[in-house]
Every structure is written in structure tokens, then in C-alpha cells.
Amino acid sequence: MKELTERQKQVLSFIADYIKEHSYPPAIREIAAHYSISVKGAHDHITALRKKGYLKHTEKRPRTMGLTHTKPETNTDMVEIPLLGSVAAGIPILAEENFDGNILLHRSMIKKNKKYFALKVKGDSMSGAGILEGDIAIIEKQNTVRDGDIAVAVIDEAAALKRFYKESNRIKLQSENPSYPPIYSSEVKILGKLSSIIRTY
């Protein structure tokens, strides 16, 4: 069988899980809604999965697609990490925990018994630390960090990726770009610490 793209693997896994739970496959509109894509986009994924031999050709009626495999083959050395929207490396922006699929990381990149999530970086305020617009930040979930750590911090319902410093009666969130002044607040919630950065050239 032909190799699947990451999105095709996700769609096939969603269909397999849906069939397992409901005993019938999802409608194309449900696939589109799940991934926040157009119906045509979902239909294109279904067509590709059929051409690659992962879905059976069935009658042109709703909920009649069938699986030839329950799920795409997985590499046990790889771990799925949820991509949950964007984080600002500039002016803080609302961090919508919008599940935007999974990304695959090799097990060597993460610690055992730790939880992780990924966010897409927007802005250039952390460019001095080598973090650029469009990078994927891999975040280790934790609610405390040490001085100097790069953390995802929530201030007034907006999330930002900054260096964390604890002062006597407030928190300082420091950029790595002189164009951006520090952010000070006494009400800061830490979501996690930067573990690594993934960049596509």
C-alpha cells in the first residue's frame, strides 16, 4: 500500500475510531467538521484513502465507506503530540485550544511520564533565542518554571511565549528582542516550559 500523509493517517484513524464507537462510519460532513476543513477537503482525503487502498469502494450512499485496515501502521518509536493552536512571541494573543491535529515526535525528544503539547509560534519577540514565526514549539506541561526558563504564560486570557522571572511582588515576562518591552503582571498562569522547537524550511 502507498504511504499516507500525516493528515491522511489522522483521517483514517478518526474513521476507524468512529466505526469502533458507533458501528458505522462517519459522514463526510462530520469528518470536515472534526478537522475544521471544507466538505470538499474531506472528500479529497476520502478519495485519496480509497486510491491508496485503505478504504473500500462502496455504494454512493451516506455512511457506507469501509476499512481495509483498522488504522494506518504506526511506528512505535514515534509519539503523537496534540497541536493546540497558536502562541504569541510578540504581543500576547488569545490561545484558543483548537485541536489542529497531531504532530509526530521521536521518543528520544521527550521525557518518560511527561505530557506535552505543541503550539505554532506567531511573532518575532523571541528571535534572539532562535524562535521564529511559524516554528512549532513543543511544550512540556507543568504549572511552575524556574527563573530564566522559556515558558508559555497566560495573562488576561492571552498566552505568550517568554522568559520567566519572578520578582518580589510580580512576574516579569521577558522577550528576546529589544523591540519588545517586558510584560509585568501579578496574575500569571504557567501552562508549560519550552522543550524544543520544530522548524520547516
N, C-alpha and C. Protein backbone atom coordinates (compact mmCIF):
# COMPACT_ATOMS: atom_id res chain seq x y z
N MET A 1 0.84 -1.21 0.00
CA MET A 1 0.00 0.00 0.00
C MET A 1 0.87 1.25 0.00
N LYS A 2 0.37 2.29 -0.63
CA LYS A 2 1.11 3.54 -0.69
C LYS A 2 1.13 4.21 0.68
N GLU A 3 2.22 4.94 0.93
CA GLU A 3 2.37 5.63 2.21
C GLU A 3 1.37 6.78 2.32
N LEU A 4 0.87 7.00 3.54
CA LEU A 4 -0.10 8.07 3.78
C LEU A 4 0.59 9.32 4.28
N THR A 5 -0.01 10.48 3.98
CA THR A 5 0.44 11.73 4.60
C THR A 5 -0.03 11.73 6.05
N GLU A 6 0.53 12.64 6.86
CA GLU A 6 0.13 12.71 8.27
C GLU A 6 -1.36 12.99 8.40
N ARG A 7 -1.90 13.91 7.59
CA ARG A 7 -3.32 14.22 7.67
C ARG A 7 -4.17 13.02 7.26
N GLN A 8 -3.74 12.29 6.24
CA GLN A 8 -4.48 11.10 5.83
C GLN A 8 -4.49 10.04 6.94
N LYS A 9 -3.36 9.90 7.65
CA LYS A 9 -3.32 8.98 8.79
C LYS A 9 -4.32 9.40 9.87
N GLN A 10 -4.38 10.72 10.11
CA GLN A 10 -5.31 11.23 11.12
C GLN A 10 -6.76 10.97 10.72
N VAL A 11 -7.08 11.22 9.45
CA VAL A 11 -8.46 10.99 8.98
C VAL A 11 -8.80 9.51 9.07
N LEU A 12 -7.88 8.64 8.66
CA LEU A 12 -8.14 7.21 8.72
C LEU A 12 -8.33 6.74 10.16
N SER A 13 -7.51 7.27 11.08
CA SER A 13 -7.66 6.92 12.49
C SER A 13 -9.00 7.40 13.04
N PHE A 14 -9.41 8.61 12.63
CA PHE A 14 -10.71 9.14 13.07
C PHE A 14 -11.84 8.24 12.58
N ILE A 15 -11.78 7.81 11.32
CA ILE A 15 -12.82 6.93 10.77
C ILE A 15 -12.84 5.60 11.52
N ALA A 16 -11.66 5.03 11.79
CA ALA A 16 -11.59 3.75 12.49
C ALA A 16 -12.17 3.86 13.90
N ASP A 17 -11.81 4.94 14.61
CA ASP A 17 -12.33 5.14 15.97
C ASP A 17 -13.83 5.36 15.95
N TYR A 18 -14.31 6.10 14.96
CA TYR A 18 -15.75 6.38 14.84
C TYR A 18 -16.53 5.08 14.60
N ILE A 19 -16.02 4.25 13.70
CA ILE A 19 -16.68 2.97 13.42
C ILE A 19 -16.68 2.08 14.67
N LYS A 20 -15.57 2.08 15.39
CA LYS A 20 -15.49 1.28 16.61
C LYS A 20 -16.53 1.72 17.63
N GLU A 21 -16.76 3.04 17.74
CA GLU A 21 -17.69 3.57 18.73
C GLU A 21 -19.15 3.45 18.29
N HIS A 22 -19.43 3.68 17.00
CA HIS A 22 -20.82 3.77 16.54
C HIS A 22 -21.28 2.58 15.69
N SER A 23 -20.33 1.74 15.29
CA SER A 23 -20.62 0.58 14.43
C SER A 23 -20.99 0.98 13.00
N TYR A 24 -20.80 2.24 12.63
CA TYR A 24 -20.98 2.69 11.26
C TYR A 24 -20.02 3.87 11.03
N PRO A 25 -19.66 4.14 9.78
CA PRO A 25 -18.67 5.19 9.53
C PRO A 25 -19.25 6.59 9.63
N PRO A 26 -18.40 7.60 9.79
CA PRO A 26 -18.88 8.99 9.85
C PRO A 26 -19.28 9.49 8.47
N ALA A 27 -20.16 10.47 8.44
CA ALA A 27 -20.48 11.17 7.19
C ALA A 27 -19.32 12.10 6.84
N ILE A 28 -19.19 12.42 5.57
CA ILE A 28 -18.10 13.31 5.15
C ILE A 28 -18.19 14.65 5.85
N ARG A 29 -19.43 15.14 6.09
CA ARG A 29 -19.60 16.42 6.79
C ARG A 29 -19.06 16.34 8.22
N GLU A 30 -19.18 15.18 8.86
CA GLU A 30 -18.66 15.01 10.22
C GLU A 30 -17.13 15.02 10.22
N ILE A 31 -16.54 14.43 9.19
CA ILE A 31 -15.07 14.46 9.07
C ILE A 31 -14.62 15.90 8.85
N ALA A 32 -15.33 16.62 7.97
CA ALA A 32 -14.99 18.02 7.69
C ALA A 32 -15.09 18.86 8.96
N ALA A 33 -16.17 18.66 9.73
CA ALA A 33 -16.36 19.44 10.96
C ALA A 33 -15.30 19.11 11.99
N HIS A 34 -14.93 17.84 12.11
CA HIS A 34 -13.93 17.42 13.10
C HIS A 34 -12.58 18.10 12.87
N TYR A 35 -12.20 18.26 11.59
CA TYR A 35 -10.90 18.85 11.27
C TYR A 35 -10.99 20.31 10.83
N SER A 36 -12.20 20.88 10.92
CA SER A 36 -12.41 22.28 10.53
C SER A 36 -11.93 22.54 9.10
N ILE A 37 -12.31 21.63 8.20
CA ILE A 37 -11.97 21.78 6.79
C ILE A 37 -13.26 21.76 5.97
N SER A 38 -13.15 22.07 4.70
CA SER A 38 -14.33 22.08 3.84
C SER A 38 -14.78 20.64 3.55
N VAL A 39 -16.05 20.51 3.14
CA VAL A 39 -16.56 19.19 2.76
C VAL A 39 -15.75 18.65 1.59
N LYS A 40 -15.40 19.53 0.64
CA LYS A 40 -14.58 19.10 -0.50
C LYS A 40 -13.22 18.59 -0.02
N GLY A 41 -12.64 19.29 0.96
CA GLY A 41 -11.35 18.85 1.51
C GLY A 41 -11.44 17.47 2.12
N ALA A 42 -12.53 17.23 2.88
CA ALA A 42 -12.74 15.91 3.49
C ALA A 42 -12.94 14.85 2.41
N HIS A 43 -13.71 15.21 1.39
CA HIS A 43 -13.97 14.27 0.28
C HIS A 43 -12.66 13.92 -0.43
N ASP A 44 -11.78 14.90 -0.60
CA ASP A 44 -10.49 14.64 -1.24
C ASP A 44 -9.65 13.66 -0.44
N HIS A 45 -9.69 13.78 0.91
CA HIS A 45 -8.96 12.83 1.76
C HIS A 45 -9.53 11.43 1.62
N ILE A 46 -10.86 11.33 1.59
CA ILE A 46 -11.50 10.03 1.43
C ILE A 46 -11.12 9.40 0.09
N THR A 47 -11.13 10.22 -0.96
CA THR A 47 -10.75 9.73 -2.30
C THR A 47 -9.32 9.22 -2.29
N ALA A 48 -8.41 9.97 -1.66
CA ALA A 48 -7.01 9.56 -1.60
C ALA A 48 -6.85 8.26 -0.82
N LEU A 49 -7.59 8.11 0.29
CA LEU A 49 -7.51 6.88 1.09
C LEU A 49 -8.04 5.68 0.30
N ARG A 50 -9.05 5.89 -0.52
CA ARG A 50 -9.57 4.81 -1.36
C ARG A 50 -8.53 4.42 -2.43
N LYS A 51 -7.94 5.44 -3.07
CA LYS A 51 -6.95 5.17 -4.11
C LYS A 51 -5.72 4.43 -3.56
N LYS A 52 -5.37 4.74 -2.32
CA LYS A 52 -4.20 4.10 -1.71
C LYS A 52 -4.54 2.75 -1.07
N GLY A 53 -5.83 2.37 -1.14
CA GLY A 53 -6.22 1.05 -0.69
C GLY A 53 -6.59 0.91 0.77
N TYR A 54 -6.80 2.03 1.47
CA TYR A 54 -7.13 1.97 2.90
C TYR A 54 -8.64 2.00 3.16
N LEU A 55 -9.41 2.45 2.18
CA LEU A 55 -10.87 2.44 2.29
C LEU A 55 -11.44 1.66 1.11
N LYS A 56 -12.51 0.91 1.38
CA LYS A 56 -13.15 0.14 0.32
C LYS A 56 -14.02 1.03 -0.54
N HIS A 57 -14.10 0.73 -1.81
CA HIS A 57 -15.05 1.40 -2.70
C HIS A 57 -16.43 0.82 -2.43
N THR A 58 -17.36 1.66 -2.07
CA THR A 58 -18.70 1.19 -1.74
C THR A 58 -19.73 2.01 -2.51
N GLU A 59 -20.98 1.69 -2.28
CA GLU A 59 -22.05 2.41 -2.96
C GLU A 59 -22.04 3.89 -2.60
N LYS A 60 -22.57 4.71 -3.51
CA LYS A 60 -22.59 6.16 -3.28
C LYS A 60 -23.78 6.54 -2.42
N ARG A 61 -23.79 6.00 -1.22
CA ARG A 61 -24.81 6.36 -0.22
C ARG A 61 -24.09 6.78 1.04
N PRO A 62 -24.75 7.59 1.90
CA PRO A 62 -24.10 8.03 3.13
C PRO A 62 -23.71 6.86 4.02
N ARG A 63 -22.60 7.02 4.71
CA ARG A 63 -22.14 6.08 5.75
C ARG A 63 -21.96 4.65 5.23
N THR A 64 -21.39 4.53 4.04
CA THR A 64 -21.17 3.19 3.51
C THR A 64 -19.68 2.88 3.29
N MET A 65 -18.79 3.81 3.63
CA MET A 65 -17.37 3.55 3.44
C MET A 65 -16.93 2.43 4.39
N GLY A 66 -16.00 1.62 3.93
CA GLY A 66 -15.50 0.53 4.76
C GLY A 66 -13.99 0.54 4.82
N LEU A 67 -13.44 0.02 5.91
CA LEU A 67 -11.99 -0.01 6.09
C LEU A 67 -11.40 -1.30 5.57
N THR A 68 -10.24 -1.20 4.95
CA THR A 68 -9.48 -2.41 4.63
C THR A 68 -8.47 -2.70 5.74
N HIS A 69 -8.07 -1.64 6.46
CA HIS A 69 -7.23 -1.75 7.65
C HIS A 69 -7.89 -0.93 8.73
N THR A 70 -7.76 -1.34 9.98
CA THR A 70 -8.40 -0.59 11.06
C THR A 70 -7.73 0.76 11.26
N LYS A 71 -6.41 0.80 11.21
CA LYS A 71 -5.68 2.05 11.37
C LYS A 71 -4.39 1.96 10.56
N PRO A 72 -3.82 3.09 10.18
CA PRO A 72 -2.54 3.03 9.49
C PRO A 72 -1.47 2.47 10.40
N GLU A 73 -0.47 1.85 9.78
CA GLU A 73 0.61 1.30 10.58
C GLU A 73 1.32 2.43 11.31
N THR A 74 1.68 2.16 12.56
CA THR A 74 2.33 3.19 13.36
C THR A 74 3.74 2.75 13.72
N ASN A 75 4.61 3.69 13.86
CA ASN A 75 5.98 3.43 14.28
C ASN A 75 6.04 3.60 15.79
N THR A 76 6.41 2.54 16.50
CA THR A 76 6.39 2.60 17.96
C THR A 76 7.44 3.56 18.52
N ASP A 77 8.38 4.00 17.68
CA ASP A 77 9.38 4.97 18.13
C ASP A 77 8.85 6.39 18.06
N MET A 78 7.66 6.57 17.49
CA MET A 78 7.08 7.90 17.33
C MET A 78 5.91 8.09 18.28
N VAL A 79 5.75 9.32 18.76
CA VAL A 79 4.68 9.65 19.70
C VAL A 79 3.87 10.81 19.12
N GLU A 80 2.54 10.75 19.23
CA GLU A 80 1.68 11.83 18.74
C GLU A 80 1.54 12.90 19.82
N ILE A 81 1.74 14.15 19.44
CA ILE A 81 1.60 15.30 20.34
C ILE A 81 0.51 16.20 19.76
N PRO A 82 -0.49 16.60 20.55
CA PRO A 82 -1.55 17.45 20.00
C PRO A 82 -1.07 18.87 19.70
N LEU A 83 -1.49 19.38 18.55
CA LEU A 83 -1.20 20.77 18.18
C LEU A 83 -2.43 21.59 18.55
N LEU A 84 -2.25 22.55 19.47
CA LEU A 84 -3.39 23.26 20.07
C LEU A 84 -3.39 24.74 19.71
N GLY A 85 -3.32 25.07 18.44
CA GLY A 85 -3.45 26.47 18.05
C GLY A 85 -2.13 27.22 18.07
N SER A 86 -2.17 28.51 18.46
CA SER A 86 -1.01 29.39 18.34
C SER A 86 -0.67 30.04 19.66
N VAL A 87 0.59 30.47 19.75
CA VAL A 87 1.05 31.24 20.91
C VAL A 87 1.83 32.43 20.38
N ALA A 88 1.71 33.56 21.06
CA ALA A 88 2.37 34.78 20.60
C ALA A 88 3.80 34.85 21.10
N ALA A 89 4.72 35.12 20.18
CA ALA A 89 6.06 35.52 20.57
C ALA A 89 6.17 36.98 20.15
N GLY A 90 5.37 37.80 20.76
CA GLY A 90 5.21 39.21 20.44
C GLY A 90 4.16 39.74 21.40
N ILE A 91 3.20 40.45 20.90
CA ILE A 91 2.08 40.89 21.73
C ILE A 91 1.22 39.67 22.04
N PRO A 92 0.81 39.46 23.30
CA PRO A 92 0.03 38.27 23.62
C PRO A 92 -1.25 38.18 22.80
N ILE A 93 -1.58 36.97 22.38
CA ILE A 93 -2.82 36.73 21.64
C ILE A 93 -3.60 35.65 22.36
N LEU A 94 -4.89 35.61 22.09
CA LEU A 94 -5.73 34.59 22.71
C LEU A 94 -5.25 33.21 22.28
N ALA A 95 -4.99 32.33 23.23
CA ALA A 95 -4.55 30.97 22.92
C ALA A 95 -5.77 30.07 22.90
N GLU A 96 -6.34 29.89 21.72
CA GLU A 96 -7.50 29.03 21.60
C GLU A 96 -7.02 27.58 21.56
N GLU A 97 -7.50 26.75 22.48
CA GLU A 97 -7.08 25.35 22.50
C GLU A 97 -7.85 24.61 21.41
N ASN A 98 -7.52 24.97 20.18
CA ASN A 98 -8.14 24.45 18.98
C ASN A 98 -7.34 23.25 18.54
N PHE A 99 -7.86 22.08 18.74
CA PHE A 99 -7.12 20.90 18.29
C PHE A 99 -6.95 20.97 16.79
N ASP A 100 -5.71 21.00 16.34
CA ASP A 100 -5.42 21.15 14.91
C ASP A 100 -4.65 19.94 14.41
N GLY A 101 -5.01 18.76 14.94
CA GLY A 101 -4.33 17.54 14.54
C GLY A 101 -3.17 17.23 15.46
N ASN A 102 -2.44 16.18 15.13
CA ASN A 102 -1.28 15.77 15.91
C ASN A 102 -0.01 15.92 15.09
N ILE A 103 1.10 16.08 15.78
CA ILE A 103 2.40 16.00 15.12
C ILE A 103 3.15 14.83 15.73
N LEU A 104 4.03 14.23 14.96
CA LEU A 104 4.77 13.06 15.42
C LEU A 104 6.17 13.47 15.87
N LEU A 105 6.54 13.01 17.07
CA LEU A 105 7.88 13.24 17.59
C LEU A 105 8.53 11.90 17.90
N HIS A 106 9.84 11.83 17.71
CA HIS A 106 10.56 10.63 18.11
C HIS A 106 10.64 10.59 19.64
N ARG A 107 10.57 9.39 20.20
CA ARG A 107 10.57 9.25 21.66
C ARG A 107 11.81 9.86 22.32
N SER A 108 12.90 9.94 21.57
CA SER A 108 14.13 10.49 22.14
C SER A 108 14.00 11.98 22.44
N MET A 109 12.97 12.64 21.87
CA MET A 109 12.79 14.08 22.06
C MET A 109 11.99 14.42 23.31
N ILE A 110 11.39 13.42 23.95
CA ILE A 110 10.54 13.69 25.11
C ILE A 110 10.94 12.83 26.29
N LYS A 111 10.52 13.25 27.48
CA LYS A 111 10.82 12.53 28.71
C LYS A 111 9.71 11.54 29.02
N LYS A 112 10.08 10.43 29.63
CA LYS A 112 9.07 9.46 30.03
C LYS A 112 8.17 10.04 31.11
N ASN A 113 6.90 9.65 31.07
CA ASN A 113 5.90 10.04 32.08
C ASN A 113 5.65 11.55 32.14
N LYS A 114 5.97 12.25 31.07
CA LYS A 114 5.66 13.67 30.96
C LYS A 114 4.66 13.89 29.85
N LYS A 115 3.82 14.92 29.98
CA LYS A 115 2.84 15.24 28.96
C LYS A 115 3.29 16.46 28.17
N TYR A 116 2.96 16.46 26.88
CA TYR A 116 3.41 17.53 26.00
C TYR A 116 2.27 18.00 25.11
N PHE A 117 2.39 19.23 24.61
CA PHE A 117 1.52 19.73 23.56
C PHE A 117 2.35 20.66 22.69
N ALA A 118 1.82 21.00 21.53
CA ALA A 118 2.56 21.84 20.59
C ALA A 118 1.73 23.07 20.25
N LEU A 119 2.41 24.18 20.01
CA LEU A 119 1.77 25.43 19.61
C LEU A 119 2.55 26.04 18.45
N LYS A 120 1.85 26.69 17.55
CA LYS A 120 2.51 27.38 16.44
C LYS A 120 2.89 28.80 16.89
N VAL A 121 4.12 29.18 16.64
CA VAL A 121 4.63 30.48 17.09
C VAL A 121 4.21 31.58 16.12
N LYS A 122 3.70 32.69 16.69
CA LYS A 122 3.40 33.88 15.90
C LYS A 122 4.19 35.05 16.47
N GLY A 123 4.80 35.84 15.61
CA GLY A 123 5.55 37.00 16.07
C GLY A 123 7.04 36.71 16.14
N ASP A 124 7.83 37.78 16.44
CA ASP A 124 9.29 37.67 16.42
C ASP A 124 9.96 38.13 17.70
N SER A 125 9.20 38.20 18.79
CA SER A 125 9.79 38.75 20.01
C SER A 125 10.80 37.81 20.66
N MET A 126 10.83 36.53 20.24
CA MET A 126 11.80 35.59 20.82
C MET A 126 12.88 35.22 19.80
N SER A 127 13.06 36.06 18.79
CA SER A 127 14.03 35.76 17.73
C SER A 127 15.46 35.66 18.28
N GLY A 128 15.76 36.40 19.35
CA GLY A 128 17.09 36.34 19.95
C GLY A 128 17.40 35.00 20.56
N ALA A 129 16.36 34.20 20.84
CA ALA A 129 16.54 32.85 21.37
C ALA A 129 16.40 31.81 20.26
N GLY A 130 16.37 32.30 19.00
CA GLY A 130 16.28 31.38 17.88
C GLY A 130 14.88 30.85 17.63
N ILE A 131 13.85 31.54 18.14
CA ILE A 131 12.46 31.12 17.96
C ILE A 131 11.80 32.08 16.97
N LEU A 132 11.34 31.56 15.84
CA LEU A 132 10.87 32.41 14.75
C LEU A 132 9.41 32.16 14.43
N GLU A 133 8.80 33.13 13.75
CA GLU A 133 7.42 33.00 13.30
C GLU A 133 7.26 31.73 12.47
N GLY A 134 6.21 30.95 12.75
CA GLY A 134 5.94 29.72 12.02
C GLY A 134 6.55 28.48 12.62
N ASP A 135 7.46 28.65 13.59
CA ASP A 135 8.02 27.49 14.29
C ASP A 135 6.93 26.76 15.07
N ILE A 136 7.15 25.49 15.32
CA ILE A 136 6.27 24.73 16.21
C ILE A 136 7.00 24.57 17.55
N ALA A 137 6.41 25.10 18.61
CA ALA A 137 7.00 24.99 19.94
C ALA A 137 6.45 23.75 20.64
N ILE A 138 7.35 22.88 21.08
CA ILE A 138 6.96 21.70 21.84
C ILE A 138 7.05 22.05 23.32
N ILE A 139 5.92 21.96 24.01
CA ILE A 139 5.82 22.43 25.39
C ILE A 139 5.61 21.25 26.34
N GLU A 140 6.43 21.18 27.38
CA GLU A 140 6.25 20.19 28.44
C GLU A 140 5.27 20.76 29.46
N LYS A 141 4.16 20.06 29.67
CA LYS A 141 3.13 20.57 30.57
C LYS A 141 3.64 20.62 32.01
N GLN A 142 3.54 21.79 32.62
CA GLN A 142 3.84 21.97 34.04
C GLN A 142 3.35 23.35 34.44
N ASN A 143 3.03 23.52 35.72
CA ASN A 143 2.48 24.80 36.16
C ASN A 143 3.48 25.67 36.91
N THR A 144 4.74 25.21 37.01
CA THR A 144 5.79 26.03 37.61
C THR A 144 7.04 25.94 36.73
N VAL A 145 7.80 27.03 36.71
CA VAL A 145 9.07 27.05 35.98
C VAL A 145 10.09 27.81 36.82
N ARG A 146 11.36 27.71 36.43
CA ARG A 146 12.42 28.42 37.14
C ARG A 146 12.76 29.73 36.43
N ASP A 147 13.40 30.64 37.16
CA ASP A 147 13.84 31.89 36.56
C ASP A 147 14.70 31.62 35.33
N GLY A 148 14.39 32.31 34.24
CA GLY A 148 15.16 32.16 33.01
C GLY A 148 14.61 31.14 32.04
N ASP A 149 13.67 30.30 32.52
CA ASP A 149 13.07 29.32 31.62
C ASP A 149 12.18 30.03 30.60
N ILE A 150 12.10 29.48 29.40
CA ILE A 150 11.14 29.98 28.40
C ILE A 150 9.85 29.20 28.60
N ALA A 151 8.78 29.95 28.88
CA ALA A 151 7.52 29.32 29.27
C ALA A 151 6.36 29.87 28.45
N VAL A 152 5.28 29.08 28.41
CA VAL A 152 4.00 29.57 27.90
C VAL A 152 3.23 30.10 29.09
N ALA A 153 2.99 31.40 29.12
CA ALA A 153 2.31 32.05 30.23
C ALA A 153 1.02 32.68 29.75
N VAL A 154 -0.02 32.59 30.58
CA VAL A 154 -1.31 33.19 30.25
C VAL A 154 -1.51 34.44 31.11
N ILE A 155 -1.75 35.57 30.43
CA ILE A 155 -2.02 36.84 31.10
C ILE A 155 -3.31 37.39 30.51
N ASP A 156 -4.32 37.60 31.35
CA ASP A 156 -5.61 38.13 30.88
C ASP A 156 -6.16 37.31 29.71
N GLU A 157 -6.15 36.01 29.87
CA GLU A 157 -6.70 35.07 28.88
C GLU A 157 -5.95 35.05 27.56
N ALA A 158 -4.75 35.64 27.53
CA ALA A 158 -3.91 35.59 26.34
C ALA A 158 -2.62 34.87 26.69
N ALA A 159 -2.11 34.09 25.74
CA ALA A 159 -0.91 33.30 26.00
C ALA A 159 0.28 33.87 25.24
N ALA A 160 1.44 33.82 25.86
CA ALA A 160 2.65 34.31 25.23
C ALA A 160 3.81 33.39 25.60
N LEU A 161 4.77 33.31 24.69
CA LEU A 161 5.99 32.53 24.92
C LEU A 161 7.10 33.51 25.28
N LYS A 162 7.54 33.47 26.55
CA LYS A 162 8.51 34.45 27.06
C LYS A 162 9.45 33.80 28.07
N ARG A 163 10.54 34.52 28.38
CA ARG A 163 11.38 34.09 29.51
C ARG A 163 10.72 34.53 30.81
N PHE A 164 10.73 33.64 31.78
CA PHE A 164 10.02 33.86 33.04
C PHE A 164 11.00 34.30 34.13
N TYR A 165 10.62 35.36 34.84
CA TYR A 165 11.40 35.81 36.00
C TYR A 165 10.44 36.19 37.12
N LYS A 166 10.70 35.69 38.31
CA LYS A 166 9.86 36.01 39.46
C LYS A 166 10.52 37.13 40.26
N GLU A 167 9.80 38.25 40.42
CA GLU A 167 10.29 39.37 41.22
C GLU A 167 9.56 39.36 42.57
N SER A 168 9.85 40.33 43.41
CA SER A 168 9.32 40.31 44.78
C SER A 168 7.79 40.27 44.84
N ASN A 169 7.11 41.06 44.01
CA ASN A 169 5.64 41.10 44.09
C ASN A 169 4.98 41.00 42.71
N ARG A 170 5.74 40.53 41.72
CA ARG A 170 5.17 40.41 40.37
C ARG A 170 6.03 39.46 39.54
N ILE A 171 5.50 39.11 38.37
CA ILE A 171 6.21 38.26 37.41
C ILE A 171 6.64 39.12 36.23
N LYS A 172 7.87 38.92 35.77
CA LYS A 172 8.33 39.60 34.56
C LYS A 172 8.45 38.55 33.45
N LEU A 173 7.83 38.86 32.31
CA LEU A 173 7.93 38.02 31.12
C LEU A 173 8.76 38.78 30.10
N GLN A 174 9.96 38.26 29.86
CA GLN A 174 10.96 38.98 29.07
C GLN A 174 11.05 38.44 27.65
N SER A 175 11.03 39.35 26.68
CA SER A 175 11.24 38.97 25.28
C SER A 175 12.72 38.79 25.01
N GLU A 176 13.03 38.24 23.83
CA GLU A 176 14.41 38.11 23.37
C GLU A 176 14.59 38.93 22.10
N ASN A 177 13.96 40.11 22.12
CA ASN A 177 14.05 41.06 21.01
C ASN A 177 13.90 42.45 21.64
N PRO A 178 14.91 43.32 21.50
CA PRO A 178 14.86 44.63 22.16
C PRO A 178 13.70 45.52 21.72
N SER A 179 13.02 45.17 20.65
CA SER A 179 11.87 45.96 20.19
C SER A 179 10.65 45.77 21.09
N TYR A 180 10.67 44.74 21.92
CA TYR A 180 9.51 44.43 22.76
C TYR A 180 9.85 44.62 24.23
N PRO A 181 9.12 45.49 24.94
CA PRO A 181 9.38 45.70 26.36
C PRO A 181 8.89 44.50 27.18
N PRO A 182 9.39 44.33 28.39
CA PRO A 182 8.93 43.24 29.25
C PRO A 182 7.45 43.41 29.60
N ILE A 183 6.81 42.31 29.91
CA ILE A 183 5.43 42.33 30.40
C ILE A 183 5.48 42.02 31.89
N TYR A 184 4.81 42.85 32.69
CA TYR A 184 4.77 42.64 34.14
C TYR A 184 3.34 42.33 34.56
N SER A 185 3.19 41.38 35.47
CA SER A 185 1.86 41.05 35.98
C SER A 185 1.99 40.27 37.28
N SER A 186 1.01 40.46 38.16
CA SER A 186 0.96 39.65 39.39
C SER A 186 0.06 38.44 39.20
N GLU A 187 -0.68 38.41 38.07
CA GLU A 187 -1.59 37.30 37.78
C GLU A 187 -1.11 36.59 36.51
N VAL A 188 -0.30 35.57 36.68
CA VAL A 188 0.24 34.83 35.55
C VAL A 188 0.01 33.34 35.79
N LYS A 189 -0.51 32.67 34.78
CA LYS A 189 -0.70 31.22 34.85
C LYS A 189 0.27 30.55 33.89
N ILE A 190 1.06 29.61 34.40
CA ILE A 190 2.03 28.90 33.58
C ILE A 190 1.40 27.62 33.04
N LEU A 191 1.49 27.44 31.71
CA LEU A 191 0.96 26.23 31.08
C LEU A 191 2.04 25.18 30.85
N GLY A 192 3.27 25.63 30.72
CA GLY A 192 4.34 24.69 30.49
C GLY A 192 5.64 25.36 30.11
N LYS A 193 6.69 24.52 29.97
CA LYS A 193 8.04 25.01 29.66
C LYS A 193 8.43 24.55 28.26
N LEU A 194 9.12 25.42 27.53
CA LEU A 194 9.58 25.08 26.20
C LEU A 194 10.54 23.89 26.27
N SER A 195 10.23 22.86 25.47
CA SER A 195 11.08 21.68 25.42
C SER A 195 11.95 21.67 24.17
N SER A 196 11.36 22.01 23.03
CA SER A 196 12.11 22.06 21.78
C SER A 196 11.33 22.84 20.74
N ILE A 197 12.01 23.13 19.64
CA ILE A 197 11.40 23.87 18.52
C ILE A 197 11.54 23.02 17.25
N ILE A 198 10.45 22.96 16.48
CA ILE A 198 10.49 22.28 15.18
C ILE A 198 10.29 23.33 14.10
N ARG A 199 11.15 23.30 13.09
CA ARG A 199 11.08 24.30 12.03
C ARG A 199 11.08 23.59 10.67
N THR A 200 10.20 24.04 9.79
CA THR A 200 10.16 23.53 8.42
C THR A 200 10.79 24.55 7.49
N TYR A 201 11.79 24.14 6.76
CA TYR A 201 12.48 25.05 5.85
C TYR A 201 11.81 25.03 4.48
